[in-house]
Amino acid sequence: MKTTLSDNYRASQWPMPPQTHTGDGRPRRLGVELEFSGIPLDRIVELMQRHLGGEVETVSPYELFLRESRLGDFGVELDFAWLKRRGRERAGGDTPDEIGQIGESVLKLAAEQLVPFEIVSPPIPLAQLWHLGDLFQELRQAGAQGTSSAPHYAYGLHLNPEMPDLEAATILAYLRAFVCLFDWLRERSKVNLSRRITPYIDPFEKSYVKLLLREDYAPDQSQLIDDYLRHNPTRNRALDMLPLFAHLAEERVRSVVDDPRIKPRPTLHYRLPNCEIDDPNWSLVQPWRDWLQVEALACDSSRLQLVAEHYRKHLSGLAGGLFGDWATVSAGFLLPELA
C-alpha cells in the first residue's frame, strides 16, 4: 500500500501509546468492533469496499466478509445467532418450506429493528487507524445509527489492543491501571441506560479490585489467570481478559467458561464505549484517546503506584471522605495531552 504525505499527516493526528511495538519488534495492532444500525448489510459492505478495496465474500444473507482490503479481512454481520445459523444452512443447500421462509423473513425484519449490524476489523497497525476513522465518517453520512438513536439500542464500540508483551507483570499493570481509571472511563464514556442495565460491561467486583491493588500481589502468569477466573468466570466485564488468557492457557479458561464466543488472541477486549457514530462530533479517536490514558498509566510504574495507593485508601474508607468522588479525583492523575 503506497503511503503519501497526506497519509502521514492524517496518521500523525492519532496519538500513540508509550509502547508502540511488541516484544519481538513488530508494530502493535488494534482490532475494532462496531455495532450500529440504519444501513442495510449490502450497503455497509459496498461502502467499506469503496473505501478500503478488497473483494466481497457472501457467507449468507446475514454474514459477509470483505477479503484482502488494504487493512486485511473484515467481517460484517447481523448480530443474531439464529439467523446466522439459518443463513449458513441455506447457503449449504437446506431449503426451508414456505412457512419457514415466511418466519425467517419476519424474524429478519424484527431483528433489524432490535439488534445491530457489526463490523469486526482485523488487527490493524496503529499508524493505520485513521483509515477506520474515515470509514466511520462515511457510514455516518450514509445514515448509520448508534447508541443514542433509540432507547433500546445497546450498541457498543469494542477496542482490542494487542499487548506489548505477555509477561505477568505487564498484564497486571494494565489491569491495575484499568481498575484505577474505571470510574473516570465510565463517566467519560457516558454509557447510556440501555447498556448499563445489561450485564455485558459489568465492572470488576470490589473483592477482585482489592486483590489487584494489594501491594504484595505479584502473581506469576498461572496464578494471575487462576485468580481472574475465580473472580470473573464470565465474558461480561468492561475489560474482558478471557481472549488474552485463552491465548495463554486455553484449556484452563474453557474449563471454567466454555463459550465459543471466546476467541484466543494476544489482546485485551475493552467493551465500555458507546457507539456514537450518528453524532457528527464523535469519532473513533475519542474513545481511543481515553483508552490511551490506561496505556500511559500502565507504562508509568511510579505514577501507577501513586494512583493505586490513593485508590486503596478510597476503597478501604481510610481517606476520610477526601476521595469520595473517585472519578473526579482519578482524573487529576491523567495526562493532559491526551484529554
Protein backbone atom coordinates (compact mmCIF):
# COMPACT_ATOMS: atom_id res chain seq x y z
CA MET A 1 0.00 0.00 0.00
CA LYS A 2 1.57 3.27 -1.15
CA THR A 3 1.94 5.93 1.56
CA THR A 4 1.53 9.61 0.68
CA LEU A 5 2.40 12.80 2.54
CA SER A 6 -1.32 13.26 3.25
CA ASP A 7 -1.48 9.76 4.77
CA ASN A 8 1.43 10.55 7.06
CA TYR A 9 -0.21 13.80 8.16
CA ARG A 10 -3.51 12.09 8.94
CA ALA A 11 -1.75 9.31 10.83
CA SER A 12 0.03 11.97 12.91
CA GLN A 13 -3.34 13.18 14.22
CA TRP A 14 -3.78 9.89 16.07
CA PRO A 15 -1.85 9.74 19.37
CA MET A 16 0.17 6.63 20.07
CA PRO A 17 0.70 4.66 23.31
CA PRO A 18 4.06 4.68 25.09
CA GLN A 19 4.73 1.14 23.84
CA THR A 20 4.20 1.10 20.07
CA HIS A 21 5.90 -2.26 19.40
CA THR A 22 5.63 -5.78 20.74
CA GLY A 23 8.49 -7.55 22.46
CA ASP A 24 9.62 -9.10 19.17
CA GLY A 25 9.79 -5.71 17.46
CA ARG A 26 6.54 -5.75 15.47
CA PRO A 27 4.29 -2.67 15.41
CA ARG A 28 1.39 -3.16 17.81
CA ARG A 29 -2.07 -3.53 16.30
CA LEU A 30 -5.66 -2.84 17.31
CA GLY A 31 -8.84 -4.71 16.47
CA VAL A 32 -12.11 -2.77 16.45
CA GLU A 33 -15.71 -3.99 16.69
CA LEU A 34 -18.50 -1.53 15.88
CA GLU A 35 -22.23 -2.13 16.48
CA PHE A 36 -24.78 0.08 14.72
CA SER A 37 -27.93 0.03 12.59
CA GLY A 38 -29.65 2.16 9.96
CA ILE A 39 -27.89 0.83 6.83
CA PRO A 40 -28.60 -2.47 5.02
CA LEU A 41 -25.87 -5.09 5.17
CA ASP A 42 -25.04 -4.99 1.47
CA ARG A 43 -24.78 -1.19 1.57
CA ILE A 44 -22.39 -1.38 4.54
CA VAL A 45 -20.07 -3.69 2.61
CA GLU A 46 -20.37 -1.55 -0.52
CA LEU A 47 -19.16 1.50 1.42
CA MET A 48 -16.35 -0.50 3.01
CA GLN A 49 -15.19 -1.85 -0.34
CA ARG A 50 -15.24 1.60 -1.91
CA HIS A 51 -13.13 2.98 0.93
CA LEU A 52 -10.78 0.04 1.56
CA GLY A 53 -10.79 -2.03 -1.61
CA GLY A 54 -10.90 -5.82 -1.39
CA GLU A 55 -13.34 -8.50 -2.53
CA VAL A 56 -16.74 -9.32 -1.01
CA GLU A 57 -17.40 -12.90 0.11
CA THR A 58 -21.00 -13.78 0.93
CA VAL A 59 -21.48 -16.44 3.61
CA SER A 60 -25.23 -15.91 3.92
CA PRO A 61 -27.74 -13.05 3.73
CA TYR A 62 -26.66 -12.19 7.29
CA GLU A 63 -22.88 -12.60 7.08
CA LEU A 64 -20.37 -11.14 4.68
CA PHE A 65 -16.62 -10.73 4.55
CA LEU A 66 -14.51 -8.08 2.91
CA ARG A 67 -11.37 -10.00 1.97
CA GLU A 68 -7.91 -8.63 1.17
CA SER A 69 -8.77 -4.99 1.78
CA ARG A 70 -5.95 -2.54 2.34
CA LEU A 71 -6.28 -3.26 6.09
CA GLY A 72 -6.94 -7.00 5.88
CA ASP A 73 -10.07 -9.14 6.19
CA PHE A 74 -13.22 -7.67 7.78
CA GLY A 75 -16.33 -9.47 8.97
CA VAL A 76 -19.76 -7.83 8.67
CA GLU A 77 -22.88 -9.44 10.10
CA LEU A 78 -26.32 -9.08 11.59
CA ASP A 79 -25.60 -9.94 15.22
CA PHE A 80 -28.33 -12.59 15.63
CA ALA A 81 -27.07 -16.14 16.14
CA TRP A 82 -30.21 -17.99 14.97
CA LEU A 83 -30.45 -16.08 11.69
CA LYS A 84 -26.75 -16.54 11.01
CA ARG A 85 -27.09 -20.27 11.59
CA ARG A 86 -30.15 -20.49 9.31
CA GLY A 87 -28.38 -18.45 6.67
CA ARG A 88 -25.43 -20.82 6.66
CA GLU A 89 -27.76 -23.82 6.45
CA ARG A 90 -29.50 -22.30 3.45
CA ALA A 91 -26.16 -21.50 1.82
CA GLY A 92 -25.28 -25.16 2.32
CA GLY A 93 -28.36 -26.31 0.38
CA ASP A 94 -31.01 -26.61 3.10
CA THR A 95 -34.24 -25.18 1.65
CA PRO A 96 -36.93 -24.31 4.21
CA ASP A 97 -40.62 -24.78 3.46
CA GLU A 98 -42.85 -21.81 2.72
CA ILE A 99 -43.85 -21.32 6.36
CA GLY A 100 -40.21 -21.46 7.40
CA GLN A 101 -39.28 -18.87 4.79
CA ILE A 102 -42.03 -16.52 5.97
CA GLY A 103 -41.00 -16.99 9.59
CA GLU A 104 -37.38 -16.26 8.78
CA SER A 105 -38.34 -13.11 6.85
CA VAL A 106 -40.47 -11.84 9.72
CA LEU A 107 -37.71 -12.58 12.21
CA LYS A 108 -35.18 -10.80 9.99
CA LEU A 109 -37.33 -7.66 9.89
CA ALA A 110 -37.74 -7.74 13.66
CA ALA A 111 -34.05 -8.42 14.26
CA GLU A 112 -33.00 -5.44 12.14
CA GLN A 113 -35.03 -3.22 14.48
CA LEU A 114 -33.62 -4.72 17.68
CA VAL A 115 -30.07 -5.99 17.15
CA PRO A 116 -27.14 -4.29 15.48
CA PHE A 117 -25.10 -4.93 12.44
CA GLU A 118 -21.49 -5.43 13.47
CA ILE A 119 -18.22 -4.71 11.72
CA VAL A 120 -15.29 -6.74 13.05
CA SER A 121 -11.95 -5.48 11.86
CA PRO A 122 -8.71 -7.41 11.53
CA PRO A 123 -5.78 -6.38 13.74
CA ILE A 124 -4.75 -3.02 12.29
CA PRO A 125 -1.33 -1.38 12.77
CA LEU A 126 -1.81 1.65 14.99
CA ALA A 127 -0.43 4.02 12.36
CA GLN A 128 -3.26 2.95 10.02
CA LEU A 129 -6.17 3.58 12.40
CA TRP A 130 -7.09 6.80 10.61
CA HIS A 131 -8.47 4.68 7.74
CA LEU A 132 -11.11 3.33 10.13
CA GLY A 133 -11.84 6.83 11.37
CA ASP A 134 -12.56 7.91 7.80
CA LEU A 135 -14.72 4.83 7.17
CA PHE A 136 -16.83 5.53 10.24
CA GLN A 137 -17.46 9.07 8.98
CA GLU A 138 -18.69 7.66 5.66
CA LEU A 139 -21.02 5.26 7.49
CA ARG A 140 -22.44 8.18 9.50
CA GLN A 141 -23.06 10.18 6.33
CA ALA A 142 -24.86 7.16 4.87
CA GLY A 143 -27.28 7.02 7.81
CA ALA A 144 -25.64 4.80 10.43
CA GLN A 145 -27.37 4.96 13.80
CA GLY A 146 -25.61 4.50 17.12
CA THR A 147 -26.43 4.01 20.79
CA SER A 148 -28.40 7.19 21.31
CA SER A 149 -30.65 6.80 18.24
CA ALA A 150 -33.23 4.74 20.18
CA PRO A 151 -33.74 3.83 23.86
CA HIS A 152 -33.22 0.11 23.19
CA TYR A 153 -30.03 0.46 21.15
CA ALA A 154 -27.40 -1.02 23.47
CA TYR A 155 -24.71 -0.61 20.82
CA GLY A 156 -21.06 -0.55 21.73
CA LEU A 157 -17.60 0.08 20.36
CA HIS A 158 -15.04 -2.54 21.36
CA LEU A 159 -11.28 -1.98 21.23
CA ASN A 160 -8.91 -4.95 21.17
CA PRO A 161 -5.40 -3.58 21.70
CA GLU A 162 -2.55 -6.02 21.20
CA MET A 163 -0.41 -6.36 24.32
CA PRO A 164 3.17 -5.06 24.13
CA ASP A 165 4.28 -8.31 25.77
CA LEU A 166 2.70 -11.22 27.64
CA GLU A 167 4.66 -11.06 30.88
CA ALA A 168 2.54 -11.41 34.02
CA ALA A 169 3.86 -8.10 35.39
CA THR A 170 2.78 -6.27 32.22
CA ILE A 171 -0.70 -7.78 32.23
CA LEU A 172 -1.06 -6.94 35.93
CA ALA A 173 -0.03 -3.34 35.27
CA TYR A 174 -2.75 -2.99 32.62
CA LEU A 175 -5.36 -4.48 34.95
CA ARG A 176 -4.32 -2.16 37.77
CA ALA A 177 -4.36 0.89 35.51
CA PHE A 178 -7.80 -0.03 34.21
CA VAL A 179 -9.43 -0.53 37.61
CA CYS A 180 -7.90 2.72 38.86
CA LEU A 181 -9.37 4.63 35.93
CA PHE A 182 -12.63 2.71 35.52
CA ASP A 183 -14.86 5.26 37.26
CA TRP A 184 -13.41 8.04 35.11
CA LEU A 185 -13.75 5.97 31.94
CA ARG A 186 -17.39 5.16 32.73
CA GLU A 187 -18.23 8.84 33.24
CA ARG A 188 -16.19 9.84 30.21
CA SER A 189 -17.95 7.26 28.03
CA LYS A 190 -21.42 8.46 29.15
CA VAL A 191 -22.62 4.87 29.00
CA ASN A 192 -26.33 5.03 28.22
CA LEU A 193 -29.07 3.31 30.23
CA SER A 194 -29.73 0.54 27.71
CA ARG A 195 -26.12 -0.61 28.08
CA ARG A 196 -25.84 -0.02 31.84
CA ILE A 197 -28.77 -2.35 32.59
CA THR A 198 -27.26 -5.19 30.56
CA PRO A 199 -24.54 -7.36 32.15
CA TYR A 200 -22.17 -7.08 29.20
CA ILE A 201 -20.00 -4.29 30.61
CA ASP A 202 -20.10 -5.08 34.32
CA PRO A 203 -17.20 -3.70 36.39
CA PHE A 204 -14.86 -5.96 38.30
CA GLU A 205 -16.17 -6.77 41.76
CA LYS A 206 -14.65 -4.90 44.66
CA SER A 207 -13.01 -8.03 46.08
CA TYR A 208 -11.07 -8.55 42.84
CA VAL A 209 -10.09 -4.89 42.61
CA LYS A 210 -8.71 -5.04 46.14
CA LEU A 211 -6.72 -8.16 45.24
CA LEU A 212 -5.22 -6.48 42.17
CA LEU A 213 -4.19 -3.41 44.16
CA ARG A 214 -2.59 -5.23 47.08
CA GLU A 215 1.00 -4.08 47.46
CA ASP A 216 2.22 -7.65 47.87
CA TYR A 217 0.29 -9.05 44.90
CA ALA A 218 2.89 -10.21 42.38
CA PRO A 219 1.46 -13.31 40.71
CA ASP A 220 3.12 -15.37 38.05
CA GLN A 221 1.13 -15.95 34.87
CA SER A 222 -0.56 -19.10 36.16
CA GLN A 223 -1.75 -17.50 39.39
CA LEU A 224 -2.87 -14.35 37.58
CA ILE A 225 -5.08 -16.40 35.26
CA ASP A 226 -6.46 -18.60 38.06
CA ASP A 227 -7.28 -15.59 40.23
CA TYR A 228 -9.03 -13.89 37.34
CA LEU A 229 -11.13 -16.96 36.55
CA ARG A 230 -12.09 -17.43 40.18
CA HIS A 231 -13.36 -13.87 40.45
CA ASN A 232 -14.58 -13.44 36.85
CA PRO A 233 -15.98 -16.68 35.37
CA THR A 234 -17.74 -14.66 32.65
CA ARG A 235 -17.25 -12.64 29.47
CA ASN A 236 -19.39 -9.87 30.94
CA ARG A 237 -16.75 -7.40 32.02
CA ALA A 238 -15.98 -3.93 30.72
CA LEU A 239 -12.42 -5.20 30.25
CA ASP A 240 -12.78 -8.83 29.22
CA MET A 241 -9.50 -10.68 29.77
CA LEU A 242 -10.70 -14.08 28.57
CA PRO A 243 -9.43 -13.75 24.96
CA LEU A 244 -5.94 -12.94 26.24
CA PHE A 245 -5.96 -15.65 28.89
CA ALA A 246 -7.34 -18.19 26.39
CA HIS A 247 -4.40 -17.31 24.15
CA LEU A 248 -2.07 -18.12 27.06
CA ALA A 249 -3.91 -21.11 28.60
CA GLU A 250 -6.95 -22.07 26.54
CA GLU A 251 -7.80 -25.34 28.27
CA ARG A 252 -7.73 -23.69 31.69
CA VAL A 253 -10.04 -20.90 30.54
CA ARG A 254 -12.52 -23.20 28.78
CA SER A 255 -12.71 -25.48 31.80
CA VAL A 256 -14.27 -22.52 33.63
CA VAL A 257 -16.01 -20.56 30.83
CA ASP A 258 -16.84 -22.86 27.93
CA ASP A 259 -18.15 -20.26 25.50
CA PRO A 260 -17.44 -20.49 21.73
CA ARG A 261 -17.52 -16.69 21.51
CA ILE A 262 -14.16 -16.55 23.33
CA LYS A 263 -11.56 -16.11 20.58
CA PRO A 264 -7.98 -16.65 21.80
CA ARG A 265 -5.81 -13.69 20.85
CA PRO A 266 -2.93 -11.71 22.42
CA THR A 267 -5.17 -8.70 23.07
CA LEU A 268 -7.30 -7.06 25.70
CA HIS A 269 -11.03 -6.68 24.99
CA TYR A 270 -12.25 -3.23 26.09
CA ARG A 271 -16.03 -3.00 25.77
CA LEU A 272 -17.13 0.13 27.62
CA PRO A 273 -17.63 2.91 25.00
CA ASN A 274 -20.96 3.60 23.35
CA CYS A 275 -21.17 3.68 19.57
CA GLU A 276 -21.99 7.32 18.81
CA ILE A 277 -21.49 7.03 15.07
CA ASP A 278 -24.54 9.19 14.29
CA ASP A 279 -23.08 12.13 16.23
CA PRO A 280 -21.08 14.39 13.87
CA ASN A 281 -18.93 15.47 16.82
CA TRP A 282 -17.91 11.88 17.63
CA SER A 283 -15.07 9.93 16.08
CA LEU A 284 -13.06 6.81 16.81
CA VAL A 285 -10.15 8.92 18.01
CA GLN A 286 -12.09 9.99 21.14
CA PRO A 287 -12.51 6.54 22.76
CA TRP A 288 -9.02 5.71 21.53
CA ARG A 289 -7.59 8.72 23.41
CA ASP A 290 -9.48 7.65 26.55
CA TRP A 291 -8.03 4.16 26.30
CA LEU A 292 -4.55 5.62 25.89
CA GLN A 293 -4.85 7.00 29.44
CA VAL A 294 -4.90 3.36 30.58
CA GLU A 295 -1.91 2.58 28.37
CA ALA A 296 0.05 5.56 29.67
CA LEU A 297 -0.69 4.75 33.32
CA ALA A 298 0.17 1.05 32.88
CA CYS A 299 3.56 2.02 31.42
CA ASP A 300 4.42 4.51 34.18
CA SER A 301 5.20 2.42 37.26
CA SER A 302 5.74 5.33 39.67
CA ARG A 303 2.51 7.10 38.69
CA LEU A 304 0.60 3.81 38.76
CA GLN A 305 1.93 3.08 42.25
CA LEU A 306 0.79 6.51 43.43
CA VAL A 307 -2.71 6.20 41.93
CA ALA A 308 -3.10 2.66 43.30
CA GLU A 309 -2.11 3.85 46.78
CA HIS A 310 -4.78 6.56 46.72
CA TYR A 311 -7.38 4.17 45.34
CA ARG A 312 -6.64 1.59 48.07
CA LYS A 313 -7.34 4.28 50.65
CA HIS A 314 -10.55 5.17 48.87
CA LEU A 315 -11.73 1.55 48.81
CA SER A 316 -10.83 0.94 52.44
CA GLY A 317 -12.59 4.07 53.66
CA LEU A 318 -9.38 5.38 55.24
CA ALA A 319 -9.38 8.57 53.19
CA GLY A 320 -11.85 10.29 55.47
CA GLY A 321 -14.09 11.34 52.61
CA LEU A 322 -11.23 13.01 50.76
CA PHE A 323 -11.61 10.61 47.85
CA GLY A 324 -15.39 10.33 47.85
CA ASP A 325 -15.77 11.10 44.14
CA TRP A 326 -13.09 8.81 42.77
CA ALA A 327 -13.90 9.56 39.12
CA THR A 328 -13.06 13.23 39.72
CA VAL A 329 -10.00 12.50 41.86
CA SER A 330 -8.55 9.97 39.43
CA ALA A 331 -8.93 12.49 36.60
CA GLY A 332 -6.25 14.55 38.38
CA PHE A 333 -3.71 11.83 37.61
CA LEU A 334 -4.36 11.78 33.86
CA LEU A 335 -2.04 13.03 31.13
CA PRO A 336 -3.48 16.38 29.91
CA GLU A 337 -2.06 15.95 26.43
CA LEU A 338 -4.44 13.02 25.85
CA ALA A 339 -7.56 14.81 27.14
